[in-house]
Amino acid sequence: MRYSDGEIDQFSGVISARLFTSWSCGPTVVRPFVQGGVDYRFHYENEIRIEDQRVSFEEGRTTVFGRAGVDFDIGNRSQVYFAIRGDHNDDFDTIAGQAGLTIRLN
């Protein structure tokens, strides 16, 4: 059986809003937040060829998401964050935990 590599072509845009507050705790700034948004695919193609037959995969164009978490600014050079994110599309639902570290070099 002959098949090609999968090919995905996508052009999308995202709009979101974030609501937060902040508290100073000595050299640390604590910033809890909630965020929501929409990711829309203006153009999307996902296909593979099997025995010279094109097979295309269709997925929903609109994904809505929500996110809640907390950022910690530690001094002037670093930031740590923890969040939980949920995504909903006609074709899938996901829940993910996120953690990150940013270190400013300038």
Protein backbone atom coordinates (compact mmCIF):
# COMPACT_ATOMS: atom_id res chain seq x y z
CA MET A 1 0.00 0.00 0.00
CA ARG A 2 1.33 3.44 -0.94
CA TYR A 3 0.53 6.54 1.02
CA SER A 4 1.89 10.08 1.22
CA ASP A 5 2.94 12.12 4.22
CA GLY A 6 0.08 14.09 5.74
CA GLU A 7 -0.20 17.71 4.67
CA ILE A 8 -1.77 20.39 6.83
CA ASP A 9 -2.34 23.95 5.62
CA GLN A 10 -3.91 26.43 8.02
CA PHE A 11 -4.50 30.17 8.42
CA SER A 12 -6.19 31.19 11.68
CA GLY A 13 -6.73 34.10 14.03
CA VAL A 14 -7.27 34.42 17.78
CA ILE A 15 -9.03 37.03 19.87
CA SER A 16 -9.02 36.88 23.65
CA ALA A 17 -9.53 38.96 26.77
CA ARG A 18 -7.75 38.62 30.09
CA LEU A 19 -8.93 39.91 33.47
CA PHE A 20 -6.41 40.09 36.31
CA THR A 21 -5.47 41.83 39.52
CA SER A 22 -2.09 42.07 41.25
CA TRP A 23 -0.71 42.15 44.76
CA SER A 24 2.81 43.01 45.86
CA CYS A 25 4.32 40.67 48.42
CA GLY A 26 7.77 42.11 48.99
CA PRO A 27 9.88 41.59 45.85
CA THR A 28 7.21 39.24 44.38
CA VAL A 29 4.11 40.37 42.46
CA VAL A 30 1.24 37.86 42.45
CA ARG A 31 -1.22 38.20 39.56
CA PRO A 32 -4.24 35.82 39.44
CA PHE A 33 -6.11 35.89 36.12
CA VAL A 34 -8.95 34.49 34.04
CA GLN A 35 -8.89 34.54 30.25
CA GLY A 36 -11.30 33.58 27.50
CA GLY A 37 -11.15 33.65 23.75
CA VAL A 38 -11.99 32.32 20.32
CA ASP A 39 -9.65 30.73 17.76
CA TYR A 40 -11.08 30.73 14.21
CA ARG A 41 -9.62 28.90 11.19
CA PHE A 42 -10.12 31.01 8.07
CA HIS A 43 -8.49 28.35 5.90
CA TYR A 44 -7.84 24.71 6.80
CA GLU A 45 -6.78 21.65 4.78
CA ASN A 46 -5.66 18.34 6.27
CA GLU A 47 -5.13 15.52 3.80
CA ILE A 48 -3.20 12.40 2.91
CA ARG A 49 -3.09 10.28 -0.27
CA ILE A 50 -3.62 6.51 -0.01
CA GLU A 51 -3.17 4.50 -3.22
CA ASP A 52 -3.52 7.77 -5.20
CA GLN A 53 -6.84 8.59 -3.53
CA ARG A 54 -7.08 11.88 -1.65
CA VAL A 55 -8.39 11.51 1.92
CA SER A 56 -9.34 14.78 3.61
CA PHE A 57 -10.01 15.31 7.31
CA GLU A 58 -12.56 17.96 8.25
CA GLU A 59 -12.47 19.62 11.63
CA GLY A 60 -14.50 22.40 13.22
CA ARG A 61 -13.33 25.91 12.37
CA THR A 62 -14.14 27.57 15.71
CA THR A 63 -12.54 26.74 19.06
CA VAL A 64 -13.47 28.58 22.25
CA PHE A 65 -11.14 28.47 25.23
CA GLY A 66 -10.98 29.49 28.86
CA ARG A 67 -7.95 29.73 31.08
CA ALA A 68 -7.40 30.49 34.78
CA GLY A 69 -4.16 30.74 36.68
CA VAL A 70 -1.64 32.84 38.50
CA ASP A 71 1.56 34.69 37.45
CA PHE A 72 4.40 35.43 39.84
CA ASP A 73 6.89 38.20 39.01
CA ILE A 74 9.96 37.36 41.04
CA GLY A 75 12.19 40.41 41.15
CA ASN A 76 12.78 42.29 37.89
CA ARG A 77 14.13 39.40 35.84
CA SER A 78 11.87 36.36 36.11
CA GLN A 79 8.25 35.30 35.94
CA VAL A 80 6.63 31.94 36.76
CA TYR A 81 3.07 30.98 35.87
CA PHE A 82 0.66 28.12 36.48
CA ALA A 83 -2.68 27.75 34.68
CA ILE A 84 -5.43 25.39 33.66
CA ARG A 85 -6.83 25.72 30.12
CA GLY A 86 -9.93 24.19 28.56
CA ASP A 87 -10.70 24.15 24.83
CA HIS A 88 -13.98 23.24 23.11
CA ASN A 89 -14.53 22.58 19.40
CA ASP A 90 -17.25 20.59 17.60
CA ASP A 91 -14.64 17.84 17.17
CA PHE A 92 -12.76 17.86 20.47
CA ASP A 93 -12.64 18.96 24.09
CA THR A 94 -9.37 19.31 25.98
CA ILE A 95 -8.22 20.27 29.45
CA ALA A 96 -4.55 21.02 30.03
CA GLY A 97 -2.32 22.14 32.86
CA GLN A 98 0.30 24.74 32.00
CA ALA A 99 3.46 25.90 33.75
CA GLY A 100 6.10 28.29 32.53
CA LEU A 101 9.21 30.23 33.40
CA THR A 102 10.34 33.46 31.74
CA ILE A 103 13.79 34.92 32.38
CA ARG A 104 14.48 38.42 31.08
CA LEU A 105 17.93 38.80 29.56
CA ASN A 106 18.03 42.60 29.16
